[in-house]
Amino acid sequence: MNFYAKELKALQRAGRYRTREIVNNTLHDFASNDYLGLSHNKELHTLTCKQLAEYPLNNAKASMLINGYHQIHKDFEEALCEANGFEAAIVLGSGFNANIALIESLVRRGDTLFMDELYHASGVLASQLHNIDVVFFKHNDMQELQSLLKHSTVKRKIVAVEGIYSMDGDLCAKEVFDICDEEEAILIVDEAHSSGVVGDKLMGVFDYYSIAVKQNHIKMGTLGKAYGSFGAFILSSEHISHYLLNRAKPIVYATALSLYDTLLAHNGLKYILQNSETLKKEIMLRQTIVSQELGLHVKGLIVPVCIGDNRQVIDIKNRLLKSGYSVGAIRQPTVASAIIRLIARLGEKSDTLRLVCKELAGIES
């Protein structure tokens, strides 16, 4: 029986119906979040396989709190702490799970979560669990956030922002760090799209803004984007890390991150740190091309081209596919108004980026 036929038809009428498509590796990829092109780096893959072959097992086998925590995990966590200036780290299965873990466990009865209105869907979902008291503030509106925090009398204040917002591609405001410090609020920064892309060492917005890490700061990042692997990490103080290990369900009850993915991400981290100057030059080159051809000035590698019509973005995406380019056609409810989301990733040549930007500009006009 077709239990959800009406709902599916409504999505089709609104131009919001989604399907899966097998990846076509013959296309030029300007759609994925593989920002630095490390998913294609066979040297990192070969090295990781060689390292893993020296261990007596291939798989974590259990939760971190049973017997699934391995030296491979610990080594990577320590490397993340050293690179980012945090006291403690926890690696886990995905960025989605990391947001669930943080928000579901940190926001207790008597606390309030203050969340940017454009925060990732995983955080929004987490805020709907267990009757969490959540207040959404206007995107990057630091005046509103400061006022909300100043007039709040709750037990704990937790603020959630993204380093680079996944659809708009803009940076969080630097003032959020000072405001949270002044108001003694815990600050969660989702660096899924900024870690590996911005900063002097390409470590993200903490690095970009030269933020001195404090006890109220938490940084979450993914390994399936710039790091070319899979999984996520949470960086925090020792105190908060111990709390998460005891209360965060996606950490306590899930099998630990796979050993291959952990090793691959560790090698990706080493690669980024060792090649940061070259990578930064390549990133700047692509930002310049986007500015020249589309008139858009981006801080990272996400290029949102506003279209405003669901069917039109699908049409533009299909026209670019015929020319050999894959881009994202993002519609509601993911965004308020439909966009073409182009990723100026280093996995494609800069000359090819210029060509797709020119063609996109021609379609728009």
Protein backbone atom coordinates (compact mmCIF):
# COMPACT_ATOMS: atom_id res chain seq x y z
CA MET A 1 0.00 0.00 0.00
CA ASN A 2 1.09 3.55 -0.73
CA PHE A 3 0.97 4.94 2.82
CA TYR A 4 2.58 8.31 1.89
CA ALA A 5 1.32 8.82 -1.67
CA LYS A 6 -0.30 12.21 -0.94
CA GLU A 7 2.82 13.56 0.73
CA LEU A 8 5.05 12.43 -2.14
CA LYS A 9 2.74 13.97 -4.74
CA ALA A 10 2.75 17.25 -2.80
CA LEU A 11 6.56 17.27 -2.85
CA GLN A 12 6.55 16.63 -6.61
CA ARG A 13 4.08 19.47 -7.23
CA ALA A 14 6.25 21.86 -5.19
CA GLY A 15 9.42 20.90 -7.04
CA ARG A 16 10.89 19.54 -3.79
CA TYR A 17 10.94 15.82 -4.62
CA ARG A 18 14.37 14.25 -4.13
CA THR A 19 15.99 11.10 -5.50
CA ARG A 20 19.38 9.41 -5.20
CA GLU A 21 21.68 9.17 -8.19
CA ILE A 22 24.78 7.00 -8.59
CA VAL A 23 27.86 9.25 -8.75
CA ASN A 24 29.09 9.80 -12.29
CA ASN A 25 32.87 9.99 -11.98
CA THR A 26 33.23 11.29 -15.53
CA LEU A 27 31.71 14.63 -14.49
CA HIS A 28 33.69 17.57 -13.11
CA ASP A 29 32.73 17.62 -9.44
CA PHE A 30 31.65 21.04 -8.15
CA ALA A 31 28.95 19.61 -5.88
CA SER A 32 30.69 17.63 -3.14
CA ASN A 33 32.18 18.91 0.12
CA ASP A 34 35.57 17.32 -0.62
CA TYR A 35 37.06 20.82 -0.39
CA LEU A 36 40.75 19.99 -0.79
CA GLY A 37 40.37 17.04 -3.15
CA LEU A 38 41.86 14.60 -0.61
CA SER A 39 39.25 11.95 -1.48
CA HIS A 40 41.23 11.42 -4.70
CA ASN A 41 44.65 11.27 -3.01
CA LYS A 42 45.73 7.65 -3.53
CA GLU A 43 48.98 8.18 -1.61
CA LEU A 44 46.99 8.84 1.56
CA HIS A 45 44.82 5.78 0.91
CA THR A 46 47.83 3.52 0.27
CA LEU A 47 49.65 4.80 3.37
CA THR A 48 46.54 4.26 5.50
CA CYS A 49 46.08 0.69 4.25
CA LYS A 50 49.74 -0.07 4.97
CA GLN A 51 49.45 1.32 8.51
CA LEU A 52 46.22 -0.54 9.25
CA ALA A 53 47.71 -3.82 7.99
CA GLU A 54 50.23 -3.64 10.84
CA TYR A 55 47.43 -3.85 13.44
CA PRO A 56 45.92 -7.17 14.59
CA LEU A 57 42.38 -6.08 13.62
CA ASN A 58 40.58 -4.04 10.98
CA ASN A 59 37.63 -2.75 12.96
CA ALA A 60 36.93 -0.93 16.24
CA LYS A 61 34.49 -3.74 17.22
CA ALA A 62 32.66 -1.95 20.05
CA SER A 63 31.70 1.28 21.77
CA MET A 64 34.56 3.45 23.00
CA LEU A 65 33.41 2.74 26.56
CA ILE A 66 33.48 -1.05 26.16
CA ASN A 67 36.66 -2.04 24.35
CA GLY A 68 36.37 -0.05 21.12
CA TYR A 69 38.81 2.73 22.01
CA HIS A 70 42.12 2.05 20.25
CA GLN A 71 45.54 3.67 20.16
CA ILE A 72 44.65 4.81 16.62
CA HIS A 73 41.79 6.89 18.05
CA LYS A 74 43.92 8.28 20.88
CA ASP A 75 46.79 9.27 18.58
CA PHE A 76 44.45 11.15 16.25
CA GLU A 77 42.66 12.89 19.12
CA GLU A 78 45.98 14.08 20.52
CA ALA A 79 47.02 15.36 17.09
CA LEU A 80 43.73 17.28 16.76
CA CYS A 81 44.24 18.86 20.18
CA GLU A 82 47.80 19.90 19.33
CA ALA A 83 46.76 21.39 15.97
CA ASN A 84 43.78 23.29 17.40
CA GLY A 85 44.88 24.22 20.91
CA PHE A 86 42.22 22.30 22.83
CA GLU A 87 42.64 20.12 25.91
CA ALA A 88 40.59 17.12 24.86
CA ALA A 89 39.08 15.44 21.82
CA ILE A 90 36.56 12.73 21.03
CA VAL A 91 36.16 11.16 17.59
CA LEU A 92 32.80 9.71 16.58
CA GLY A 93 30.68 8.54 13.68
CA SER A 94 29.47 11.69 11.88
CA GLY A 95 28.93 15.42 12.14
CA PHE A 96 25.19 14.78 12.40
CA ASN A 97 25.78 12.54 15.42
CA ALA A 98 28.23 15.05 16.90
CA ASN A 99 25.56 17.77 16.95
CA ILE A 100 23.04 15.36 18.48
CA ALA A 101 25.62 14.36 21.09
CA LEU A 102 26.48 17.93 22.04
CA ILE A 103 23.05 19.50 22.19
CA GLU A 104 21.11 16.57 23.61
CA SER A 105 23.60 16.11 26.45
CA LEU A 106 24.71 19.67 27.24
CA VAL A 107 21.33 21.41 27.38
CA ARG A 108 19.72 20.27 30.63
CA ARG A 109 16.57 21.28 32.46
CA GLY A 110 16.87 24.92 33.46
CA ASP A 111 19.29 25.71 30.61
CA THR A 112 18.63 27.58 27.36
CA LEU A 113 20.13 26.94 23.94
CA PHE A 114 20.62 30.05 21.78
CA MET A 115 20.97 28.91 18.17
CA ASP A 116 21.64 30.81 14.96
CA GLU A 117 18.54 30.48 12.76
CA LEU A 118 20.65 29.01 9.94
CA TYR A 119 22.31 26.33 12.09
CA HIS A 120 22.54 22.86 10.55
CA ALA A 121 19.48 20.60 10.51
CA SER A 122 21.18 18.12 12.86
CA GLY A 123 21.40 20.79 15.54
CA VAL A 124 17.81 21.86 14.97
CA LEU A 125 16.69 18.23 15.30
CA ALA A 126 18.67 17.86 18.53
CA SER A 127 17.03 21.00 19.92
CA GLN A 128 13.62 19.34 19.55
CA LEU A 129 14.52 16.45 21.85
CA HIS A 130 13.53 16.23 25.53
CA ASN A 131 11.69 19.57 25.58
CA ILE A 132 14.93 21.52 25.22
CA ASP A 133 14.46 25.27 25.74
CA VAL A 134 15.79 26.76 22.50
CA VAL A 135 15.78 30.36 21.28
CA PHE A 136 16.71 31.10 17.66
CA PHE A 137 18.40 34.42 16.92
CA LYS A 138 18.66 36.17 13.55
CA HIS A 139 21.51 34.91 11.42
CA ASN A 140 24.83 36.40 12.58
CA ASP A 141 22.96 39.12 14.52
CA MET A 142 25.33 39.65 17.42
CA GLN A 143 23.34 42.55 18.85
CA GLU A 144 20.29 40.34 19.26
CA LEU A 145 22.36 37.48 20.70
CA GLN A 146 24.03 39.75 23.24
CA SER A 147 20.68 41.15 24.33
CA LEU A 148 19.18 37.66 24.70
CA LEU A 149 22.11 36.44 26.77
CA LYS A 150 22.26 39.56 28.92
CA HIS A 151 18.59 39.35 29.88
CA SER A 152 18.58 35.59 30.43
CA THR A 153 18.49 34.27 33.99
CA VAL A 154 18.75 30.57 33.21
CA LYS A 155 21.12 28.13 34.86
CA ARG A 156 23.39 27.64 31.82
CA LYS A 157 23.49 29.44 28.49
CA ILE A 158 24.65 27.46 25.44
CA VAL A 159 25.20 29.19 22.08
CA ALA A 160 25.46 27.30 18.77
CA VAL A 161 26.89 28.80 15.55
CA GLU A 162 28.63 27.48 12.45
CA GLY A 163 32.17 28.44 11.43
CA ILE A 164 31.16 28.68 7.77
CA TYR A 165 27.46 28.26 7.10
CA SER A 166 26.86 25.31 4.81
CA MET A 167 24.47 27.00 2.37
CA ASP A 168 25.21 30.75 2.56
CA GLY A 169 28.97 30.19 2.79
CA ASP A 170 29.47 33.11 5.19
CA LEU A 171 31.61 33.13 8.35
CA CYS A 172 30.29 33.37 11.87
CA ALA A 173 30.86 36.82 13.39
CA LYS A 174 34.07 37.14 15.39
CA GLU A 175 32.11 38.96 18.11
CA VAL A 176 30.38 35.73 19.12
CA PHE A 177 33.51 34.62 20.96
CA ASP A 178 33.73 37.82 23.04
CA ILE A 179 30.01 37.88 23.75
CA CYS A 180 29.97 34.28 25.01
CA ASP A 181 33.06 34.89 27.14
CA GLU A 182 31.51 38.01 28.68
CA GLU A 183 28.17 36.31 29.37
CA GLU A 184 29.80 33.07 30.57
CA ALA A 185 27.99 31.08 27.90
CA ILE A 186 29.16 27.78 26.48
CA LEU A 187 29.91 28.26 22.79
CA ILE A 188 29.52 25.43 20.27
CA VAL A 189 31.12 26.16 16.88
CA ASP A 190 30.25 23.71 14.12
CA GLU A 191 33.35 23.80 11.92
CA ALA A 192 32.18 21.19 9.41
CA HIS A 193 32.68 23.56 6.47
CA SER A 194 35.49 25.74 7.84
CA SER A 195 37.98 23.23 9.27
CA GLY A 196 40.57 22.62 6.56
CA VAL A 197 39.43 25.66 4.56
CA VAL A 198 40.20 28.89 6.49
CA GLY A 199 42.83 30.03 8.96
CA ASP A 200 46.59 30.44 9.00
CA LYS A 201 47.02 26.67 9.43
CA LEU A 202 43.67 25.91 7.74
CA MET A 203 42.25 24.71 11.05
CA GLY A 204 39.06 26.78 10.84
CA VAL A 205 37.56 29.94 12.35
CA PHE A 206 39.31 29.66 15.72
CA ASP A 207 42.52 29.74 13.68
CA TYR A 208 41.19 32.37 11.24
CA TYR A 209 40.23 34.79 14.02
CA SER A 210 43.27 33.89 16.20
CA ILE A 211 40.98 32.94 19.09
CA ALA A 212 42.63 31.91 22.36
CA VAL A 213 40.74 28.76 23.31
CA LYS A 214 38.89 29.00 26.64
CA GLN A 215 37.08 26.55 28.91
CA ASN A 216 33.67 27.51 27.53
CA HIS A 217 34.66 26.85 23.88
CA ILE A 218 33.66 23.71 21.98
CA LYS A 219 34.65 22.98 18.41
CA MET A 220 32.98 20.30 16.33
CA GLY A 221 34.23 19.27 12.91
CA THR A 222 33.67 16.59 10.30
CA LEU A 223 36.18 14.27 8.67
CA GLY A 224 34.10 13.61 5.54
CA LYS A 225 34.74 16.99 3.96
CA ALA A 226 38.17 18.68 3.85
CA TYR A 227 39.86 15.70 5.55
CA GLY A 228 38.78 13.28 2.82
CA SER A 229 37.62 10.55 5.21
CA PHE A 230 34.51 9.90 7.30
CA GLY A 231 33.44 10.70 10.86
CA ALA A 232 33.65 13.69 13.16
CA PHE A 233 35.43 15.14 16.19
CA ILE A 234 34.52 17.20 19.23
CA LEU A 235 37.20 19.40 20.82
CA SER A 236 36.66 20.89 24.27
CA SER A 237 38.03 21.27 27.78
CA GLU A 238 38.86 18.10 29.72
CA HIS A 239 35.88 18.83 31.96
CA ILE A 240 33.33 18.95 29.12
CA SER A 241 34.95 15.98 27.38
CA HIS A 242 34.55 13.82 30.51
CA TYR A 243 30.92 14.90 30.74
CA LEU A 244 30.23 13.98 27.09
CA LEU A 245 31.81 10.56 27.54
CA ASN A 246 29.32 9.93 30.34
CA ARG A 247 26.15 11.52 28.96
CA ALA A 248 26.25 11.86 25.15
CA LYS A 249 24.29 8.92 23.71
CA PRO A 250 25.92 8.88 20.22
CA ILE A 251 29.27 8.47 22.01
CA VAL A 252 28.20 6.08 24.77
CA TYR A 253 26.06 3.70 22.72
CA ALA A 254 27.53 3.75 19.19
CA THR A 255 30.39 1.64 17.85
CA ALA A 256 33.60 3.65 17.80
CA LEU A 257 34.73 5.30 14.56
CA SER A 258 36.28 2.81 12.12
CA LEU A 259 40.04 2.41 12.36
CA TYR A 260 40.54 2.97 8.63
CA ASP A 261 38.60 6.25 8.65
CA THR A 262 40.46 7.43 11.76
CA LEU A 263 43.87 6.67 10.26
CA LEU A 264 42.91 8.22 6.92
CA ALA A 265 41.71 11.40 8.64
CA HIS A 266 44.91 11.54 10.73
CA ASN A 267 46.97 11.33 7.54
CA GLY A 268 44.71 13.99 6.02
CA LEU A 269 45.38 16.27 9.00
CA LYS A 270 49.13 15.80 8.60
CA TYR A 271 48.85 16.55 4.88
CA ILE A 272 46.91 19.78 5.50
CA LEU A 273 49.37 21.03 8.11
CA GLN A 274 52.41 20.16 6.00
CA ASN A 275 50.99 21.73 2.83
CA SER A 276 49.00 24.64 4.29
CA GLU A 277 50.83 27.38 2.36
CA THR A 278 50.33 25.69 -1.01
CA LEU A 279 46.71 24.87 -0.21
CA LYS A 280 45.98 28.45 0.88
CA LYS A 281 47.31 29.77 -2.43
CA GLU A 282 45.07 27.36 -4.34
CA ILE A 283 42.06 28.37 -2.24
CA MET A 284 42.74 32.08 -2.84
CA LEU A 285 43.08 31.45 -6.59
CA ARG A 286 39.63 29.85 -6.69
CA GLN A 287 38.11 32.65 -4.62
CA THR A 288 39.55 35.15 -7.11
CA ILE A 289 38.07 33.25 -10.07
CA VAL A 290 34.63 33.18 -8.43
CA SER A 291 34.85 36.92 -7.81
CA GLN A 292 35.92 37.65 -11.40
CA GLU A 293 33.35 35.45 -13.13
CA LEU A 294 30.33 35.55 -10.80
CA GLY A 295 30.90 38.74 -8.82
CA LEU A 296 30.66 36.82 -5.55
CA HIS A 297 33.19 37.27 -2.74
CA VAL A 298 33.44 34.10 -0.66
CA LYS A 299 35.52 33.47 2.45
CA GLY A 300 35.65 29.72 2.00
CA LEU A 301 34.90 27.47 -0.99
CA ILE A 302 31.07 27.45 -0.88
CA VAL A 303 29.59 29.54 -3.71
CA PRO A 304 25.83 30.13 -3.31
CA VAL A 305 24.19 31.47 -6.48
CA CYS A 306 20.69 32.75 -5.71
CA ILE A 307 18.03 31.59 -8.18
CA GLY A 308 14.81 31.65 -6.16
CA ASP A 309 12.81 29.09 -8.13
CA ASN A 310 12.82 25.34 -7.37
CA ARG A 311 12.22 24.20 -10.93
CA GLN A 312 14.71 26.67 -12.38
CA VAL A 313 17.56 25.41 -10.18
CA ILE A 314 16.87 21.87 -11.36
CA ASP A 315 16.87 23.08 -14.97
CA ILE A 316 20.21 24.89 -14.46
CA LYS A 317 21.70 21.84 -12.76
CA ASN A 318 20.62 19.60 -15.67
CA ARG A 319 21.99 22.03 -18.27
CA LEU A 320 25.36 22.05 -16.51
CA LEU A 321 25.28 18.24 -16.31
CA LYS A 322 25.03 18.10 -20.10
CA SER A 323 28.19 20.21 -20.24
CA GLY A 324 29.97 17.80 -17.90
CA TYR A 325 29.67 19.71 -14.59
CA SER A 326 28.05 18.54 -11.38
CA VAL A 327 26.69 21.25 -9.04
CA GLY A 328 24.18 21.28 -6.21
CA ALA A 329 20.57 22.37 -6.75
CA ILE A 330 19.43 23.24 -3.22
CA ARG A 331 15.73 23.79 -2.54
CA GLN A 332 13.39 24.30 0.40
CA PRO A 333 13.37 23.38 3.22
CA THR A 334 17.17 23.19 3.18
CA VAL A 335 17.29 26.86 2.16
CA ALA A 336 14.69 29.62 2.34
CA SER A 337 15.03 30.32 -1.40
CA ALA A 338 16.45 27.98 -4.05
CA ILE A 339 20.16 28.27 -4.92
CA ILE A 340 22.78 26.69 -7.10
CA ARG A 341 25.50 25.63 -4.65
CA LEU A 342 28.86 25.44 -6.41
CA ILE A 343 31.88 24.15 -4.48
CA ALA A 344 35.14 25.68 -5.76
CA ARG A 345 37.04 22.61 -4.60
CA LEU A 346 40.73 21.98 -5.15
CA GLY A 347 39.96 18.55 -6.59
CA GLU A 348 39.17 20.27 -9.90
CA LYS A 349 41.60 22.45 -11.85
CA SER A 350 41.23 26.21 -11.52
CA ASP A 351 40.81 26.53 -15.31
CA THR A 352 37.85 24.15 -15.15
CA LEU A 353 36.33 26.21 -12.33
CA ARG A 354 36.57 29.31 -14.52
CA LEU A 355 34.76 27.50 -17.35
CA VAL A 356 31.86 26.35 -15.17
CA CYS A 357 31.56 29.83 -13.64
CA LYS A 358 31.40 31.39 -17.09
CA GLU A 359 28.73 28.95 -18.23
CA LEU A 360 26.71 29.48 -15.03
CA ALA A 361 26.93 33.26 -15.45
CA GLY A 362 25.69 32.89 -19.03
CA ILE A 363 22.71 30.76 -17.97
CA GLU A 364 21.78 33.27 -15.24
CA SER A 365 21.82 36.22 -17.62
